[in-house]
Amino acid sequence: MSDVKTGNELNTGHYFELLDRTHVASSYLRMVLGEHPVLVQDPNLMTLYEAAQDRLQELYQAVGQREAAWK
């Protein structure tokens, strides 16, 4: 999935980067899918889309709450 090797030390920049990338992913998802006509007309698909957005928002909040990692 990634070239990042386990055992690399994390720093505050890594947390900020993840926070930023999560925001970008959420914004992109909303921009390209949020008002898609299929989603608007299919409640089951809209529910899946909303769940994906909710999970990204949960990730964003969880990263932001790692206060000790930011110091």
N, C-alpha and C. Protein backbone atom coordinates (compact mmCIF):
# COMPACT_ATOMS: atom_id res chain seq x y z
N MET A 1 0.81 -1.19 0.00
CA MET A 1 0.00 0.00 0.00
C MET A 1 0.85 1.26 0.00
N SER A 2 1.97 1.21 0.70
CA SER A 2 2.78 2.41 0.84
C SER A 2 4.24 2.03 0.90
N ASP A 3 5.09 2.99 0.60
CA ASP A 3 6.53 2.77 0.71
C ASP A 3 7.04 3.05 2.11
N VAL A 4 6.18 3.54 2.99
CA VAL A 4 6.59 3.85 4.35
C VAL A 4 6.86 2.55 5.09
N LYS A 5 8.04 2.47 5.66
CA LYS A 5 8.42 1.26 6.39
C LYS A 5 8.05 1.40 7.85
N THR A 6 7.66 0.29 8.46
CA THR A 6 7.37 0.34 9.88
C THR A 6 8.67 0.57 10.63
N GLY A 7 8.55 1.18 11.77
CA GLY A 7 9.73 1.48 12.57
C GLY A 7 10.27 2.88 12.36
N ASN A 8 9.78 3.57 11.33
CA ASN A 8 10.19 4.97 11.13
C ASN A 8 9.58 5.81 12.24
N GLU A 9 10.37 6.72 12.77
CA GLU A 9 9.87 7.58 13.84
C GLU A 9 8.93 8.63 13.28
N LEU A 10 7.84 8.81 13.98
CA LEU A 10 6.88 9.84 13.59
C LEU A 10 7.23 11.16 14.25
N ASN A 11 6.87 12.24 13.58
CA ASN A 11 7.03 13.56 14.17
C ASN A 11 5.73 14.32 13.98
N THR A 12 5.66 15.52 14.54
CA THR A 12 4.42 16.29 14.48
C THR A 12 3.99 16.56 13.04
N GLY A 13 4.94 16.67 12.15
CA GLY A 13 4.62 16.90 10.74
C GLY A 13 3.81 15.78 10.13
N HIS A 14 4.06 14.55 10.56
CA HIS A 14 3.29 13.43 10.04
C HIS A 14 1.82 13.54 10.41
N TYR A 15 1.54 13.97 11.63
CA TYR A 15 0.15 14.11 12.07
C TYR A 15 -0.54 15.24 11.31
N PHE A 16 0.15 16.35 11.15
CA PHE A 16 -0.42 17.46 10.40
C PHE A 16 -0.69 17.04 8.96
N GLU A 17 0.24 16.31 8.37
CA GLU A 17 0.08 15.84 7.00
C GLU A 17 -1.14 14.92 6.87
N LEU A 18 -1.31 14.00 7.82
CA LEU A 18 -2.47 13.11 7.77
C LEU A 18 -3.76 13.90 7.95
N LEU A 19 -3.75 14.87 8.83
CA LEU A 19 -4.92 15.72 9.03
C LEU A 19 -5.27 16.44 7.72
N ASP A 20 -4.27 17.01 7.09
CA ASP A 20 -4.48 17.72 5.83
C ASP A 20 -4.98 16.80 4.73
N ARG A 21 -4.35 15.64 4.59
CA ARG A 21 -4.75 14.71 3.53
C ARG A 21 -6.16 14.17 3.75
N THR A 22 -6.54 14.00 5.01
CA THR A 22 -7.89 13.55 5.31
C THR A 22 -8.90 14.62 4.91
N HIS A 23 -8.56 15.86 5.20
CA HIS A 23 -9.44 16.97 4.80
C HIS A 23 -9.55 17.04 3.27
N VAL A 24 -8.44 16.90 2.59
CA VAL A 24 -8.45 16.95 1.13
C VAL A 24 -9.31 15.81 0.56
N ALA A 25 -9.15 14.61 1.12
CA ALA A 25 -9.93 13.47 0.65
C ALA A 25 -11.42 13.69 0.86
N SER A 26 -11.79 14.20 2.02
CA SER A 26 -13.19 14.48 2.32
C SER A 26 -13.75 15.55 1.39
N SER A 27 -12.99 16.60 1.18
CA SER A 27 -13.43 17.68 0.28
C SER A 27 -13.59 17.18 -1.15
N TYR A 28 -12.64 16.36 -1.60
CA TYR A 28 -12.70 15.83 -2.95
C TYR A 28 -13.91 14.92 -3.12
N LEU A 29 -14.14 14.06 -2.14
CA LEU A 29 -15.28 13.16 -2.20
C LEU A 29 -16.58 13.95 -2.29
N ARG A 30 -16.70 14.98 -1.47
CA ARG A 30 -17.90 15.83 -1.49
C ARG A 30 -18.03 16.53 -2.84
N MET A 31 -16.92 17.01 -3.38
CA MET A 31 -16.95 17.77 -4.63
C MET A 31 -17.36 16.88 -5.82
N VAL A 32 -16.83 15.67 -5.89
CA VAL A 32 -17.08 14.84 -7.08
C VAL A 32 -18.29 13.92 -6.95
N LEU A 33 -18.71 13.64 -5.72
CA LEU A 33 -19.83 12.71 -5.55
C LEU A 33 -21.04 13.29 -4.84
N GLY A 34 -20.84 14.31 -4.04
CA GLY A 34 -21.88 14.80 -3.15
C GLY A 34 -23.20 15.12 -3.80
N GLU A 35 -23.20 15.65 -4.98
CA GLU A 35 -24.44 16.02 -5.66
C GLU A 35 -24.66 15.18 -6.92
N HIS A 36 -23.99 14.04 -7.01
CA HIS A 36 -24.14 13.21 -8.21
C HIS A 36 -25.59 12.76 -8.33
N PRO A 37 -26.16 12.86 -9.53
CA PRO A 37 -27.58 12.54 -9.71
C PRO A 37 -27.96 11.11 -9.29
N VAL A 38 -27.08 10.17 -9.49
CA VAL A 38 -27.39 8.80 -9.08
C VAL A 38 -27.53 8.72 -7.57
N LEU A 39 -26.61 9.36 -6.86
CA LEU A 39 -26.69 9.35 -5.40
C LEU A 39 -27.94 10.06 -4.90
N VAL A 40 -28.26 11.16 -5.54
CA VAL A 40 -29.42 11.94 -5.13
C VAL A 40 -30.71 11.12 -5.30
N GLN A 41 -30.76 10.27 -6.32
CA GLN A 41 -31.97 9.51 -6.59
C GLN A 41 -31.98 8.11 -5.99
N ASP A 42 -30.84 7.65 -5.47
CA ASP A 42 -30.78 6.29 -4.91
C ASP A 42 -30.42 6.38 -3.42
N PRO A 43 -31.40 6.25 -2.55
CA PRO A 43 -31.15 6.40 -1.12
C PRO A 43 -30.13 5.41 -0.56
N ASN A 44 -30.09 4.20 -1.09
CA ASN A 44 -29.12 3.21 -0.60
C ASN A 44 -27.68 3.62 -0.93
N LEU A 45 -27.48 4.11 -2.13
CA LEU A 45 -26.14 4.58 -2.50
C LEU A 45 -25.78 5.85 -1.74
N MET A 46 -26.75 6.73 -1.53
CA MET A 46 -26.50 7.94 -0.76
C MET A 46 -26.09 7.59 0.67
N THR A 47 -26.70 6.58 1.23
CA THR A 47 -26.34 6.13 2.57
C THR A 47 -24.89 5.67 2.62
N LEU A 48 -24.45 4.95 1.60
CA LEU A 48 -23.05 4.50 1.55
C LEU A 48 -22.10 5.69 1.41
N TYR A 49 -22.46 6.64 0.56
CA TYR A 49 -21.65 7.85 0.40
C TYR A 49 -21.55 8.61 1.72
N GLU A 50 -22.68 8.78 2.38
CA GLU A 50 -22.68 9.51 3.65
C GLU A 50 -21.85 8.78 4.71
N ALA A 51 -21.88 7.46 4.69
CA ALA A 51 -21.07 6.68 5.63
C ALA A 51 -19.58 6.89 5.36
N ALA A 52 -19.21 6.96 4.09
CA ALA A 52 -17.81 7.21 3.74
C ALA A 52 -17.39 8.59 4.23
N GLN A 53 -18.23 9.58 4.04
CA GLN A 53 -17.94 10.93 4.52
C GLN A 53 -17.83 10.95 6.04
N ASP A 54 -18.76 10.26 6.70
CA ASP A 54 -18.73 10.20 8.16
C ASP A 54 -17.43 9.58 8.66
N ARG A 55 -16.98 8.53 8.02
CA ARG A 55 -15.74 7.86 8.45
C ARG A 55 -14.54 8.77 8.26
N LEU A 56 -14.49 9.50 7.16
CA LEU A 56 -13.39 10.45 6.96
C LEU A 56 -13.43 11.55 8.01
N GLN A 57 -14.61 12.00 8.36
CA GLN A 57 -14.72 13.03 9.40
C GLN A 57 -14.29 12.47 10.76
N GLU A 58 -14.61 11.21 11.02
CA GLU A 58 -14.17 10.57 12.27
C GLU A 58 -12.64 10.47 12.30
N LEU A 59 -12.05 10.11 11.17
CA LEU A 59 -10.60 10.02 11.09
C LEU A 59 -9.98 11.39 11.35
N TYR A 60 -10.52 12.41 10.72
CA TYR A 60 -10.01 13.78 10.90
C TYR A 60 -10.04 14.17 12.37
N GLN A 61 -11.16 13.92 13.02
CA GLN A 61 -11.29 14.26 14.44
C GLN A 61 -10.33 13.44 15.30
N ALA A 62 -10.18 12.17 15.00
CA ALA A 62 -9.31 11.30 15.79
C ALA A 62 -7.85 11.74 15.68
N VAL A 63 -7.42 12.11 14.49
CA VAL A 63 -6.04 12.59 14.31
C VAL A 63 -5.85 13.90 15.07
N GLY A 64 -6.82 14.79 14.96
CA GLY A 64 -6.72 16.07 15.64
C GLY A 64 -6.70 15.95 17.15
N GLN A 65 -7.30 14.87 17.67
CA GLN A 65 -7.35 14.68 19.12
C GLN A 65 -6.09 14.03 19.68
N ARG A 66 -5.17 13.68 18.85
CA ARG A 66 -3.91 13.10 19.32
C ARG A 66 -2.98 14.22 19.77
N GLU A 67 -3.44 14.99 20.76
CA GLU A 67 -2.71 16.18 21.21
C GLU A 67 -1.28 15.89 21.60
N ALA A 68 -1.06 14.80 22.30
CA ALA A 68 0.29 14.47 22.76
C ALA A 68 1.25 14.30 21.59
N ALA A 69 0.75 13.81 20.49
CA ALA A 69 1.59 13.59 19.31
C ALA A 69 1.99 14.90 18.64
N TRP A 70 1.21 15.94 18.87
CA TRP A 70 1.47 17.23 18.25
C TRP A 70 2.53 18.03 19.01
N LYS A 71 2.83 17.62 20.24
CA LYS A 71 3.75 18.40 21.07
C LYS A 71 5.16 17.91 20.94
